[in-house]
Amino acid sequence: MAHQHFTRGLIALLATVLLAFPQSASAGLPQGNAVKDPAAILRDALPFEQDDIRTLQHRLERTSDDLRAKRWSALGKAVSRSEALLSTRQNAILEVIPEDRRSEAESLFSQVDIGLENLKQQVDSKDKPGFIKARRETLSRIGDVEALLVPDGFERPIPAEFDALPRLVGRATLTIKTTQGDLTTVVDGYNAPLTAGAFVDLSLKGFYDGLPFIRAEDFYVLQSGDPEGPALGYLDPKTNQERRVPLEIRVPEEADTIYNETFEDVGLFKATPTLPFATLGTLGWAHSANALDDGSSQFFMFLYEAELTPAGLNLVDGRNAAYGYVVDGFDVLEELTTDDRIQSIKVISGADGLKAHA
């Protein structure tokens, strides 16, 4: 009973503090099973149209419940159905892939075949850790094929009023080196081009190097990006004005990306963003409590805690922009506090996708 009172009190406290904090996200605390794998979210966020490989991806991802319950017969059937789908629909998938990428796709499909065979062996031996490892590797190869389905230079329309802002075409991988160790992140220019573009641009400029973590709320957010001095964000050296990045949220069912409006503003009360705050290390762009378009350089990492912030109904979605995910270094992330700093952020890949303006 005492634990329940503590949990309720913490929920109320976090919601109140987050709503009042001037340069942060706001959130509520829902119920439900959370998506814990950022790789799965990033796969789903890839912009392509090919139902067969989506079905293959989701069929393997949905084996988690059967695996937890050790329903080995059901797992065996799911793997066999996946093999049958790949066998009958592989050519249809390959036909959609640009010709100059098909040989790479065929090689990846060969690895998927091997992975599915490996999964069958793990089912036969009832090896749960082995199944998890083989599934992760197989889904990674499926994701690599899906990435080949994205058209070259894919860009979503961005309102002309933001033409002066940098934007990221495609995705970029960055290493955030901290006083506790390294984090690897992937930022998504397919679905948050201006937000991801601002982050990559500032990282390449060395803007974040040496900056402290200014806020660390257990189970909630870890925030940085506040420069030294009175400014709250990045000052454009040409104008000496703070560069502002609009609130930018994409919803799968909507034709246009939402700019400078919350879900409540547009009447999407039950929507789930393409990039949800649904897993430990979701990267979010901070803005003040008074405006939606005044995000400049401050960002936060969502400190997901299953009991307090399961995915699906949290109030961060639709009020703040997610633009990527920590994909490695979760043990480091959980150790970081306001006593720590960012030593540097390096762009490992994808820097060539950064455009200075429209």
Protein backbone atom coordinates (compact mmCIF):
# COMPACT_ATOMS: atom_id res chain seq x y z
CA MET A 1 0.00 0.00 0.00
CA ALA A 2 2.83 2.38 0.85
CA HIS A 3 4.40 1.71 -2.56
CA GLN A 4 1.09 2.51 -4.28
CA HIS A 5 0.81 5.83 -2.42
CA PHE A 6 4.41 6.64 -3.37
CA THR A 7 3.74 5.84 -7.02
CA ARG A 8 0.59 7.96 -7.14
CA GLY A 9 2.39 10.82 -5.44
CA LEU A 10 5.35 10.58 -7.80
CA ILE A 11 3.03 10.57 -10.80
CA ALA A 12 1.28 13.71 -9.62
CA LEU A 13 4.57 15.41 -8.77
CA LEU A 14 6.17 14.59 -12.10
CA ALA A 15 3.18 15.75 -14.09
CA THR A 16 3.01 19.02 -12.16
CA VAL A 17 6.74 19.74 -12.33
CA LEU A 18 7.00 18.91 -16.01
CA LEU A 19 4.07 21.12 -16.96
CA ALA A 20 5.58 24.04 -15.03
CA PHE A 21 9.18 23.70 -16.18
CA PRO A 22 10.02 26.48 -18.67
CA GLN A 23 12.31 24.58 -21.05
CA SER A 24 11.11 21.01 -20.98
CA ALA A 25 8.61 18.40 -22.02
CA SER A 26 5.34 17.75 -20.27
CA ALA A 27 3.95 14.30 -19.63
CA GLY A 28 1.34 12.14 -18.00
CA LEU A 29 1.57 8.53 -16.97
CA PRO A 30 -0.57 5.93 -18.72
CA GLN A 31 -1.12 2.21 -18.70
CA GLY A 32 -0.29 -0.54 -21.17
CA ASN A 33 2.58 -2.51 -22.60
CA ALA A 34 5.38 -0.24 -23.77
CA VAL A 35 7.51 -0.71 -26.84
CA LYS A 36 11.00 -1.17 -25.47
CA ASP A 37 12.93 -1.68 -28.69
CA PRO A 38 13.92 1.52 -30.51
CA ALA A 39 14.98 -0.55 -33.52
CA ALA A 40 11.37 -1.69 -33.98
CA ILE A 41 10.10 1.91 -33.83
CA LEU A 42 12.70 3.02 -36.36
CA ARG A 43 11.76 0.18 -38.70
CA ASP A 44 8.10 1.14 -38.55
CA ALA A 45 9.00 4.78 -39.22
CA LEU A 46 10.71 4.06 -42.56
CA PRO A 47 8.71 5.71 -45.37
CA PHE A 48 7.98 3.03 -47.96
CA GLU A 49 4.97 1.14 -49.29
CA GLN A 50 5.41 -2.63 -49.37
CA ASP A 51 2.99 -4.68 -47.29
CA ASP A 52 4.69 -8.07 -47.59
CA ILE A 53 7.89 -7.15 -45.81
CA ARG A 54 5.93 -5.20 -43.18
CA THR A 55 3.92 -8.35 -42.53
CA LEU A 56 7.12 -10.37 -42.20
CA GLN A 57 8.60 -7.81 -39.81
CA HIS A 58 5.52 -7.58 -37.61
CA ARG A 59 4.98 -11.34 -37.52
CA LEU A 60 8.42 -11.86 -36.03
CA GLU A 61 8.07 -8.90 -33.65
CA ARG A 62 4.76 -10.26 -32.37
CA THR A 63 6.39 -13.49 -31.19
CA SER A 64 7.32 -11.76 -27.92
CA ASP A 65 4.13 -12.77 -26.08
CA ASP A 66 4.48 -16.42 -27.09
CA LEU A 67 8.14 -16.33 -26.14
CA ARG A 68 7.39 -14.94 -22.67
CA ALA A 69 4.84 -17.72 -22.14
CA LYS A 70 7.20 -20.32 -23.68
CA ARG A 71 4.57 -21.38 -26.19
CA TRP A 72 7.08 -23.16 -28.37
CA SER A 73 4.50 -24.70 -30.70
CA ALA A 74 3.05 -21.28 -31.51
CA LEU A 75 6.55 -19.90 -32.04
CA GLY A 76 7.36 -22.70 -34.44
CA LYS A 77 4.22 -21.95 -36.45
CA ALA A 78 5.07 -18.23 -36.58
CA VAL A 79 8.55 -18.97 -37.91
CA SER A 80 7.21 -21.45 -40.49
CA ARG A 81 4.64 -18.92 -41.68
CA SER A 82 7.41 -16.34 -41.98
CA GLU A 83 9.47 -18.74 -44.09
CA ALA A 84 6.46 -19.38 -46.34
CA LEU A 85 5.81 -15.67 -46.73
CA LEU A 86 9.41 -14.95 -47.67
CA SER A 87 9.46 -17.84 -50.13
CA THR A 88 6.31 -16.77 -51.96
CA ARG A 89 6.67 -12.98 -51.80
CA GLN A 90 10.40 -12.32 -52.01
CA ASN A 91 10.30 -11.62 -55.75
CA ALA A 92 7.40 -9.19 -55.28
CA ILE A 93 9.45 -7.30 -52.71
CA LEU A 94 12.54 -7.28 -54.92
CA GLU A 95 10.55 -5.85 -57.84
CA VAL A 96 9.84 -2.70 -55.82
CA ILE A 97 13.48 -2.17 -54.87
CA PRO A 98 15.48 -0.01 -57.32
CA GLU A 99 17.49 -2.18 -59.69
CA ASP A 100 20.86 -0.92 -58.50
CA ARG A 101 20.04 -2.11 -54.95
CA ARG A 102 18.57 -5.50 -55.73
CA SER A 103 21.78 -7.50 -55.44
CA GLU A 104 22.26 -6.07 -51.95
CA ALA A 105 18.67 -6.94 -51.10
CA GLU A 106 19.11 -10.50 -52.38
CA SER A 107 22.17 -10.90 -50.17
CA LEU A 108 20.21 -9.61 -47.18
CA PHE A 109 17.33 -11.97 -47.93
CA SER A 110 19.81 -14.86 -47.90
CA GLN A 111 20.79 -13.80 -44.39
CA VAL A 112 17.10 -13.59 -43.42
CA ASP A 113 16.66 -17.18 -44.67
CA ILE A 114 19.56 -18.30 -42.50
CA GLY A 115 18.12 -16.37 -39.57
CA LEU A 116 14.71 -18.04 -39.90
CA GLU A 117 16.37 -21.45 -40.02
CA ASN A 118 18.29 -20.51 -36.88
CA LEU A 119 15.04 -19.48 -35.20
CA LYS A 120 13.57 -22.92 -35.96
CA GLN A 121 16.56 -24.51 -34.29
CA GLN A 122 16.11 -22.34 -31.20
CA VAL A 123 12.45 -23.36 -31.05
CA ASP A 124 13.37 -27.05 -31.31
CA SER A 125 15.89 -26.69 -28.49
CA LYS A 126 13.56 -24.41 -26.48
CA ASP A 127 16.40 -21.91 -26.15
CA LYS A 128 14.81 -18.58 -25.17
CA PRO A 129 18.03 -16.47 -25.12
CA GLY A 130 19.08 -18.04 -28.42
CA PHE A 131 15.69 -17.22 -29.96
CA ILE A 132 15.90 -13.60 -28.81
CA LYS A 133 19.39 -13.19 -30.27
CA ALA A 134 18.48 -14.83 -33.60
CA ARG A 135 15.27 -12.80 -33.87
CA ARG A 136 17.10 -9.54 -33.23
CA GLU A 137 19.66 -10.33 -35.93
CA THR A 138 17.00 -11.45 -38.41
CA LEU A 139 14.85 -8.37 -37.82
CA SER A 140 17.92 -6.19 -38.27
CA ARG A 141 18.47 -7.69 -41.74
CA ILE A 142 14.78 -7.22 -42.56
CA GLY A 143 15.15 -3.59 -41.51
CA ASP A 144 18.14 -3.26 -43.84
CA VAL A 145 15.99 -4.49 -46.73
CA GLU A 146 13.24 -2.06 -45.75
CA ALA A 147 15.74 0.81 -45.81
CA LEU A 148 16.50 -0.08 -49.43
CA LEU A 149 12.83 0.48 -50.26
CA VAL A 150 13.00 4.16 -49.27
CA PRO A 151 13.38 6.28 -52.42
CA ASP A 152 16.71 8.07 -52.87
CA GLY A 153 16.65 11.59 -51.47
CA PHE A 154 13.23 11.11 -49.88
CA GLU A 155 12.03 14.37 -48.31
CA ARG A 156 8.69 15.35 -46.86
CA PRO A 157 7.26 18.78 -47.70
CA ILE A 158 8.26 21.49 -45.22
CA PRO A 159 6.42 24.84 -45.05
CA ALA A 160 8.27 27.65 -46.84
CA GLU A 161 8.35 29.74 -43.67
CA PHE A 162 11.08 27.40 -42.41
CA ASP A 163 13.25 27.56 -45.55
CA ALA A 164 16.16 29.15 -43.67
CA LEU A 165 16.46 26.29 -41.19
CA PRO A 166 18.78 23.30 -41.62
CA ARG A 167 17.16 19.96 -42.33
CA LEU A 168 18.31 16.34 -42.41
CA VAL A 169 17.60 14.12 -45.40
CA GLY A 170 17.51 10.48 -44.27
CA ARG A 171 18.98 9.36 -40.96
CA ALA A 172 22.17 9.99 -39.04
CA THR A 173 23.99 8.06 -36.35
CA LEU A 174 25.76 10.00 -33.61
CA THR A 175 27.88 9.17 -30.58
CA ILE A 176 27.25 11.24 -27.46
CA LYS A 177 30.38 11.01 -25.32
CA THR A 178 29.62 11.79 -21.68
CA THR A 179 31.51 11.75 -18.40
CA GLN A 180 29.87 8.37 -17.68
CA GLY A 181 30.53 6.79 -21.09
CA ASP A 182 29.18 6.77 -24.62
CA LEU A 183 25.65 6.72 -26.03
CA THR A 184 24.87 5.79 -29.64
CA THR A 185 21.85 7.52 -31.14
CA VAL A 186 19.96 7.45 -34.44
CA VAL A 187 18.09 10.59 -35.49
CA ASP A 188 15.36 10.47 -38.11
CA GLY A 189 15.23 13.07 -40.87
CA TYR A 190 12.48 11.17 -42.66
CA ASN A 191 9.93 12.12 -40.01
CA ALA A 192 11.54 15.02 -38.10
CA PRO A 193 13.78 16.72 -40.68
CA LEU A 194 14.01 20.13 -39.01
CA THR A 195 14.48 18.83 -35.47
CA ALA A 196 16.98 16.15 -36.46
CA GLY A 197 18.65 18.67 -38.76
CA ALA A 198 19.09 21.19 -35.96
CA PHE A 199 20.60 18.53 -33.69
CA VAL A 200 23.04 17.27 -36.33
CA ASP A 201 23.96 20.83 -37.33
CA LEU A 202 24.74 21.85 -33.75
CA SER A 203 26.63 18.61 -33.13
CA LEU A 204 28.83 19.24 -36.16
CA LYS A 205 29.45 22.79 -34.90
CA GLY A 206 30.63 21.40 -31.55
CA PHE A 207 27.89 23.38 -29.82
CA TYR A 208 27.15 20.66 -27.25
CA ASP A 209 30.77 19.90 -26.36
CA GLY A 210 31.34 20.47 -22.66
CA LEU A 211 27.74 21.37 -21.80
CA PRO A 212 26.29 20.00 -18.55
CA PHE A 213 23.10 18.05 -18.02
CA ILE A 214 20.92 20.73 -16.47
CA ARG A 215 18.07 18.51 -15.38
CA ALA A 216 17.73 14.89 -14.34
CA GLU A 217 14.32 13.65 -13.22
CA ASP A 218 14.37 10.00 -12.15
CA PHE A 219 12.16 7.89 -14.45
CA TYR A 220 11.45 10.91 -16.62
CA VAL A 221 13.91 13.17 -18.43
CA LEU A 222 17.59 13.99 -18.70
CA GLN A 223 18.14 17.39 -20.35
CA SER A 224 21.06 19.31 -21.84
CA GLY A 225 21.83 21.87 -24.52
CA ASP A 226 21.62 25.09 -22.49
CA PRO A 227 24.68 27.16 -23.49
CA GLU A 228 26.74 29.16 -21.03
CA GLY A 229 25.61 32.75 -20.59
CA PRO A 230 22.14 34.32 -20.66
CA ALA A 231 20.99 32.76 -23.94
CA LEU A 232 18.72 29.72 -23.68
CA GLY A 233 19.56 28.41 -27.14
CA TYR A 234 21.80 28.70 -30.18
CA LEU A 235 22.55 32.22 -31.41
CA ASP A 236 23.00 32.50 -35.15
CA PRO A 237 26.37 34.29 -35.56
CA LYS A 238 25.11 36.08 -38.67
CA THR A 239 22.15 37.70 -36.92
CA ASN A 240 23.00 37.26 -33.22
CA GLN A 241 19.41 36.08 -32.88
CA GLU A 242 18.33 32.81 -31.32
CA ARG A 243 17.55 30.22 -33.97
CA ARG A 244 14.15 28.74 -33.34
CA VAL A 245 13.06 25.26 -34.42
CA PRO A 246 9.29 24.68 -34.67
CA LEU A 247 7.42 21.92 -32.92
CA GLU A 248 7.40 19.17 -35.54
CA ILE A 249 5.30 16.01 -35.15
CA ARG A 250 4.36 13.44 -37.75
CA VAL A 251 1.38 11.09 -37.44
CA PRO A 252 1.23 8.03 -39.74
CA GLU A 253 -2.40 8.57 -40.76
CA GLU A 254 -1.96 12.27 -41.58
CA ALA A 255 -0.88 13.52 -45.00
CA ASP A 256 1.05 16.50 -43.63
CA THR A 257 3.47 16.87 -40.77
CA ILE A 258 2.09 18.99 -37.92
CA TYR A 259 4.05 22.18 -37.24
CA ASN A 260 3.67 24.40 -34.14
CA GLU A 261 0.45 22.72 -33.04
CA THR A 262 -0.15 20.09 -30.38
CA PHE A 263 -2.38 17.06 -30.80
CA GLU A 264 -5.03 18.89 -28.75
CA ASP A 265 -4.81 21.88 -31.09
CA VAL A 266 -5.65 19.74 -34.11
CA GLY A 267 -8.10 17.40 -32.38
CA LEU A 268 -5.93 14.26 -32.44
CA PHE A 269 -6.60 13.16 -28.87
CA LYS A 270 -5.77 9.47 -29.32
CA ALA A 271 -3.12 9.63 -32.03
CA THR A 272 0.27 7.95 -31.79
CA PRO A 273 3.14 9.81 -33.48
CA THR A 274 5.35 8.11 -36.01
CA LEU A 275 8.18 8.71 -33.53
CA PRO A 276 6.59 8.15 -30.10
CA PHE A 277 8.01 8.69 -26.65
CA ALA A 278 7.75 4.99 -26.02
CA THR A 279 11.13 3.71 -24.97
CA LEU A 280 14.14 4.50 -22.82
CA GLY A 281 16.32 7.09 -24.53
CA THR A 282 13.77 8.70 -26.84
CA LEU A 283 15.32 11.99 -27.96
CA GLY A 284 13.01 14.97 -27.52
CA TRP A 285 13.35 18.66 -28.40
CA ALA A 286 12.65 21.05 -25.53
CA HIS A 287 10.54 24.18 -25.81
CA SER A 288 9.21 26.59 -23.19
CA ALA A 289 5.88 26.33 -21.42
CA ASN A 290 4.80 29.54 -23.12
CA ALA A 291 5.43 28.78 -26.81
CA LEU A 292 5.73 25.86 -29.19
CA ASP A 293 8.15 27.43 -31.66
CA ASP A 294 10.95 28.49 -29.30
CA GLY A 295 12.93 25.26 -29.20
CA SER A 296 16.50 26.15 -30.16
CA SER A 297 19.18 23.80 -28.84
CA GLN A 298 18.00 22.15 -25.65
CA PHE A 299 17.11 18.48 -25.92
CA PHE A 300 16.15 15.74 -23.50
CA MET A 301 16.30 11.97 -23.31
CA PHE A 302 13.16 10.27 -22.08
CA LEU A 303 13.93 8.08 -19.06
CA TYR A 304 11.31 5.43 -19.59
CA GLU A 305 10.19 3.45 -16.55
CA ALA A 306 7.67 0.69 -17.26
CA GLU A 307 5.59 1.11 -14.11
CA LEU A 308 5.36 4.88 -14.38
CA THR A 309 5.42 5.65 -18.09
CA PRO A 310 4.21 2.79 -20.27
CA ALA A 311 3.68 3.68 -23.91
CA GLY A 312 0.43 4.52 -25.58
CA LEU A 313 -1.19 7.39 -23.70
CA ASN A 314 1.60 9.55 -22.27
CA LEU A 315 1.19 13.30 -22.51
CA VAL A 316 4.64 13.93 -23.96
CA ASP A 317 3.41 12.57 -27.30
CA GLY A 318 1.75 15.37 -29.17
CA ARG A 319 3.24 18.11 -26.98
CA ASN A 320 6.94 17.64 -27.77
CA ALA A 321 8.79 16.47 -30.85
CA ALA A 322 10.70 13.19 -30.75
CA TYR A 323 13.43 13.05 -33.37
CA GLY A 324 15.41 9.88 -32.66
CA TYR A 325 16.45 7.24 -30.18
CA VAL A 326 19.36 6.02 -28.11
CA VAL A 327 20.17 2.60 -29.59
CA ASP A 328 23.17 1.66 -27.45
CA GLY A 329 24.60 2.70 -24.09
CA PHE A 330 21.47 2.35 -21.96
CA ASP A 331 23.54 1.46 -18.90
CA VAL A 332 25.36 4.78 -19.31
CA LEU A 333 22.12 6.69 -19.77
CA GLU A 334 20.74 5.40 -16.49
CA GLU A 335 23.83 6.61 -14.59
CA LEU A 336 23.84 10.21 -15.85
CA THR A 337 22.92 13.04 -13.46
CA THR A 338 23.31 16.81 -13.26
CA ASP A 339 26.86 16.17 -12.05
CA ASP A 340 27.73 14.94 -15.56
CA ARG A 341 28.51 16.63 -18.86
CA ILE A 342 28.51 16.00 -22.58
CA GLN A 343 32.14 15.80 -23.61
CA SER A 344 31.36 15.75 -27.33
CA ILE A 345 28.80 14.66 -29.90
CA LYS A 346 30.20 13.17 -33.10
CA VAL A 347 28.26 12.35 -36.27
CA ILE A 348 29.30 8.82 -37.25
CA SER A 349 27.20 8.57 -40.42
CA GLY A 350 24.58 10.59 -42.25
CA ALA A 351 26.30 14.00 -42.08
CA ASP A 352 26.09 14.20 -45.88
CA GLY A 353 22.30 14.30 -45.50
CA LEU A 354 22.41 17.65 -43.71
CA LYS A 355 21.24 20.61 -45.78
CA ALA A 356 21.89 24.12 -44.47
CA HIS A 357 18.53 25.36 -45.76
CA ALA A 358 15.81 24.61 -48.30
